[in-house]
């Protein structure tokens, strides 16, 4: 299944959109590929995006006394991102 079809399936599980609403909504998403050990956002940056995990695992972490500590994971079909930073448009931890 293509990423956009996967997203559509998950969105329509939550809300039955009209086709014009889906077209508008889906046009705002773009596919990115992240490699192992890459960061999509780093501490003190402001989250500008909301993510849908089509394939793979995304690890969320924070710096705690200089140590990188895992605080959660997102898997296939999950939504993810630094939600507090995304919503408030303030720097993330």
Foldseek 3Di string as FASTA:
>chain_A
DDPLVLVVVLVVVPPPDDPVVSVVVSVPDDDDDDDPPDDPDDFFAADQDKAAAQADKDWDWDQDVNDTGTDDMDHHGDIDDQVVSNVVVGTDD
